[in-house]
Amino acid sequence: MFSRLGSIWLPCVPILKGSLRGQTFESDTDVVHTIDDWYEQLDEQFLMYGIKALAHCWEKYVTLGGDYVEKL
């Protein structure tokens, strides 16, 4: 799981990546618990902004016929 976490999940969430930087984990379960804790501490406005940004990206993707990739 950790390789998938690094190659897929972390580039999608730069703030989470920064929060995890420098930490080591004994197991996949430790990673999941740490991420769960991180999400629980987020402000509701932060989450709403993310949902709105996702909708904006989806609209661009559909409008461009799937030829849209946003660089992080």
N, C-alpha and C. Protein backbone atom coordinates (compact mmCIF):
# COMPACT_ATOMS: atom_id res chain seq x y z
N MET A 1 0.81 -1.20 0.00
CA MET A 1 0.00 0.00 0.00
C MET A 1 0.85 1.26 0.00
N PHE A 2 1.98 1.26 0.71
CA PHE A 2 2.74 2.49 0.83
C PHE A 2 3.22 2.99 -0.53
N SER A 3 3.64 2.07 -1.43
CA SER A 3 4.08 2.54 -2.74
C SER A 3 2.92 3.17 -3.50
N ARG A 4 1.71 2.62 -3.38
CA ARG A 4 0.55 3.22 -4.01
C ARG A 4 0.26 4.57 -3.37
N LEU A 5 0.42 4.66 -2.08
CA LEU A 5 0.17 5.91 -1.38
C LEU A 5 1.10 6.99 -1.90
N GLY A 6 2.36 6.62 -2.06
CA GLY A 6 3.34 7.59 -2.53
C GLY A 6 3.15 7.99 -3.98
N SER A 7 2.81 7.05 -4.83
CA SER A 7 2.75 7.35 -6.25
C SER A 7 1.39 7.88 -6.71
N ILE A 8 0.33 7.61 -5.99
CA ILE A 8 -1.00 8.03 -6.43
C ILE A 8 -1.59 9.06 -5.49
N TRP A 9 -1.70 8.77 -4.22
CA TRP A 9 -2.43 9.63 -3.29
C TRP A 9 -1.69 10.91 -2.94
N LEU A 10 -0.42 10.83 -2.64
CA LEU A 10 0.27 12.02 -2.15
C LEU A 10 0.39 13.13 -3.18
N PRO A 11 0.69 12.85 -4.44
CA PRO A 11 0.73 13.97 -5.39
C PRO A 11 -0.62 14.66 -5.54
N CYS A 12 -1.70 13.97 -5.24
CA CYS A 12 -3.03 14.57 -5.36
C CYS A 12 -3.36 15.47 -4.18
N VAL A 13 -2.65 15.35 -3.10
CA VAL A 13 -2.94 16.13 -1.91
C VAL A 13 -1.62 16.70 -1.38
N PRO A 14 -1.15 17.80 -1.99
CA PRO A 14 0.14 18.36 -1.57
C PRO A 14 0.22 18.72 -0.10
N ILE A 15 -0.87 19.20 0.48
CA ILE A 15 -0.84 19.58 1.90
C ILE A 15 -0.66 18.34 2.77
N LEU A 16 -1.32 17.26 2.42
CA LEU A 16 -1.14 16.01 3.16
C LEU A 16 0.28 15.51 3.02
N LYS A 17 0.82 15.60 1.83
CA LYS A 17 2.20 15.16 1.59
C LYS A 17 3.16 15.92 2.51
N GLY A 18 2.95 17.23 2.61
CA GLY A 18 3.79 18.03 3.50
C GLY A 18 3.64 17.63 4.95
N SER A 19 2.43 17.27 5.34
CA SER A 19 2.18 16.87 6.73
C SER A 19 2.84 15.53 7.06
N LEU A 20 2.97 14.67 6.08
CA LEU A 20 3.56 13.35 6.31
C LEU A 20 5.08 13.33 6.13
N ARG A 21 5.61 14.37 5.51
CA ARG A 21 7.05 14.41 5.22
C ARG A 21 7.86 14.23 6.51
N GLY A 22 8.85 13.36 6.43
CA GLY A 22 9.75 13.14 7.55
C GLY A 22 9.28 12.09 8.54
N GLN A 23 8.05 11.64 8.43
CA GLN A 23 7.54 10.63 9.35
C GLN A 23 7.85 9.23 8.81
N THR A 24 8.00 8.31 9.71
CA THR A 24 8.15 6.91 9.33
C THR A 24 7.01 6.13 9.97
N PHE A 25 6.62 5.06 9.31
CA PHE A 25 5.48 4.28 9.76
C PHE A 25 5.87 2.81 9.84
N GLU A 26 5.39 2.15 10.86
CA GLU A 26 5.67 0.73 11.06
C GLU A 26 4.81 -0.15 10.16
N SER A 27 3.62 0.34 9.80
CA SER A 27 2.71 -0.49 9.01
C SER A 27 1.77 0.39 8.19
N ASP A 28 1.07 -0.24 7.27
CA ASP A 28 0.05 0.46 6.49
C ASP A 28 -1.04 1.00 7.40
N THR A 29 -1.35 0.27 8.44
CA THR A 29 -2.38 0.70 9.39
C THR A 29 -1.98 2.00 10.06
N ASP A 30 -0.70 2.15 10.39
CA ASP A 30 -0.23 3.40 10.99
C ASP A 30 -0.42 4.58 10.03
N VAL A 31 -0.17 4.34 8.74
CA VAL A 31 -0.35 5.39 7.74
C VAL A 31 -1.82 5.79 7.67
N VAL A 32 -2.70 4.80 7.62
CA VAL A 32 -4.14 5.06 7.55
C VAL A 32 -4.61 5.83 8.77
N HIS A 33 -4.16 5.45 9.96
CA HIS A 33 -4.58 6.16 11.18
C HIS A 33 -4.07 7.60 11.18
N THR A 34 -2.85 7.80 10.72
CA THR A 34 -2.30 9.15 10.67
C THR A 34 -3.08 10.03 9.71
N ILE A 35 -3.44 9.48 8.55
CA ILE A 35 -4.21 10.24 7.57
C ILE A 35 -5.62 10.50 8.10
N ASP A 36 -6.23 9.52 8.74
CA ASP A 36 -7.54 9.72 9.35
C ASP A 36 -7.50 10.85 10.37
N ASP A 37 -6.48 10.86 11.21
CA ASP A 37 -6.33 11.92 12.21
C ASP A 37 -6.18 13.28 11.54
N TRP A 38 -5.41 13.32 10.45
CA TRP A 38 -5.19 14.57 9.72
C TRP A 38 -6.51 15.10 9.17
N TYR A 39 -7.31 14.22 8.55
CA TYR A 39 -8.60 14.63 8.00
C TYR A 39 -9.55 15.13 9.09
N GLU A 40 -9.54 14.52 10.25
CA GLU A 40 -10.42 14.93 11.33
C GLU A 40 -10.10 16.34 11.83
N GLN A 41 -8.88 16.78 11.65
CA GLN A 41 -8.46 18.10 12.13
C GLN A 41 -8.73 19.21 11.12
N LEU A 42 -9.13 18.85 9.90
CA LEU A 42 -9.33 19.86 8.87
C LEU A 42 -10.58 20.70 9.13
N ASP A 43 -10.50 21.94 8.75
CA ASP A 43 -11.60 22.87 8.85
C ASP A 43 -12.63 22.57 7.75
N GLU A 44 -13.90 22.74 8.04
CA GLU A 44 -14.96 22.48 7.08
C GLU A 44 -14.80 23.33 5.81
N GLN A 45 -14.35 24.56 5.96
CA GLN A 45 -14.17 25.44 4.79
C GLN A 45 -13.08 24.91 3.86
N PHE A 46 -12.04 24.32 4.44
CA PHE A 46 -10.97 23.72 3.63
C PHE A 46 -11.55 22.60 2.77
N LEU A 47 -12.40 21.77 3.37
CA LEU A 47 -13.00 20.66 2.63
C LEU A 47 -13.95 21.17 1.56
N MET A 48 -14.73 22.21 1.84
CA MET A 48 -15.64 22.77 0.85
C MET A 48 -14.87 23.35 -0.33
N TYR A 49 -13.76 24.00 -0.05
CA TYR A 49 -12.92 24.54 -1.12
C TYR A 49 -12.44 23.40 -2.02
N GLY A 50 -12.04 22.29 -1.43
CA GLY A 50 -11.57 21.15 -2.21
C GLY A 50 -12.65 20.57 -3.10
N ILE A 51 -13.86 20.47 -2.58
CA ILE A 51 -14.98 19.95 -3.38
C ILE A 51 -15.27 20.89 -4.54
N LYS A 52 -15.27 22.20 -4.29
CA LYS A 52 -15.51 23.17 -5.36
C LYS A 52 -14.40 23.13 -6.41
N ALA A 53 -13.16 22.96 -5.98
CA ALA A 53 -12.05 22.86 -6.92
C ALA A 53 -12.18 21.59 -7.77
N LEU A 54 -12.61 20.51 -7.16
CA LEU A 54 -12.81 19.26 -7.89
C LEU A 54 -13.88 19.44 -8.97
N ALA A 55 -14.96 20.11 -8.63
CA ALA A 55 -16.03 20.36 -9.59
C ALA A 55 -15.50 21.20 -10.76
N HIS A 56 -14.69 22.19 -10.47
CA HIS A 56 -14.10 23.05 -11.50
C HIS A 56 -13.21 22.22 -12.43
N CYS A 57 -12.38 21.37 -11.87
CA CYS A 57 -11.49 20.51 -12.68
C CYS A 57 -12.31 19.55 -13.54
N TRP A 58 -13.37 19.00 -12.98
CA TRP A 58 -14.22 18.08 -13.73
C TRP A 58 -14.86 18.79 -14.92
N GLU A 59 -15.35 20.01 -14.69
CA GLU A 59 -15.96 20.77 -15.78
C GLU A 59 -14.96 21.04 -16.90
N LYS A 60 -13.74 21.41 -16.55
CA LYS A 60 -12.71 21.63 -17.56
C LYS A 60 -12.40 20.34 -18.32
N TYR A 61 -12.32 19.24 -17.60
CA TYR A 61 -12.03 17.95 -18.20
C TYR A 61 -13.10 17.58 -19.22
N VAL A 62 -14.37 17.74 -18.86
CA VAL A 62 -15.48 17.42 -19.75
C VAL A 62 -15.50 18.37 -20.95
N THR A 63 -15.32 19.65 -20.71
CA THR A 63 -15.32 20.64 -21.78
C THR A 63 -14.22 20.38 -22.81
N LEU A 64 -13.08 19.95 -22.34
CA LEU A 64 -11.94 19.68 -23.24
C LEU A 64 -11.92 18.24 -23.75
N GLY A 65 -12.97 17.50 -23.52
CA GLY A 65 -13.07 16.14 -24.03
C GLY A 65 -12.05 15.19 -23.43
N GLY A 66 -11.70 15.40 -22.20
CA GLY A 66 -10.76 14.51 -21.52
C GLY A 66 -9.31 14.90 -21.71
N ASP A 67 -9.05 15.98 -22.43
CA ASP A 67 -7.68 16.41 -22.69
C ASP A 67 -7.28 17.51 -21.72
N TYR A 68 -7.35 17.20 -20.44
CA TYR A 68 -7.04 18.20 -19.41
C TYR A 68 -6.34 17.53 -18.24
N VAL A 69 -5.18 18.04 -17.91
CA VAL A 69 -4.45 17.58 -16.73
C VAL A 69 -3.93 18.82 -16.03
N GLU A 70 -4.27 18.96 -14.76
CA GLU A 70 -3.79 20.11 -14.00
C GLU A 70 -2.51 19.72 -13.30
N LYS A 71 -1.48 20.52 -13.47
CA LYS A 71 -0.20 20.24 -12.82
C LYS A 71 -0.22 20.77 -11.41
N LEU A 72 0.35 19.97 -10.52
CA LEU A 72 0.40 20.38 -9.10
C LEU A 72 1.67 21.12 -8.81
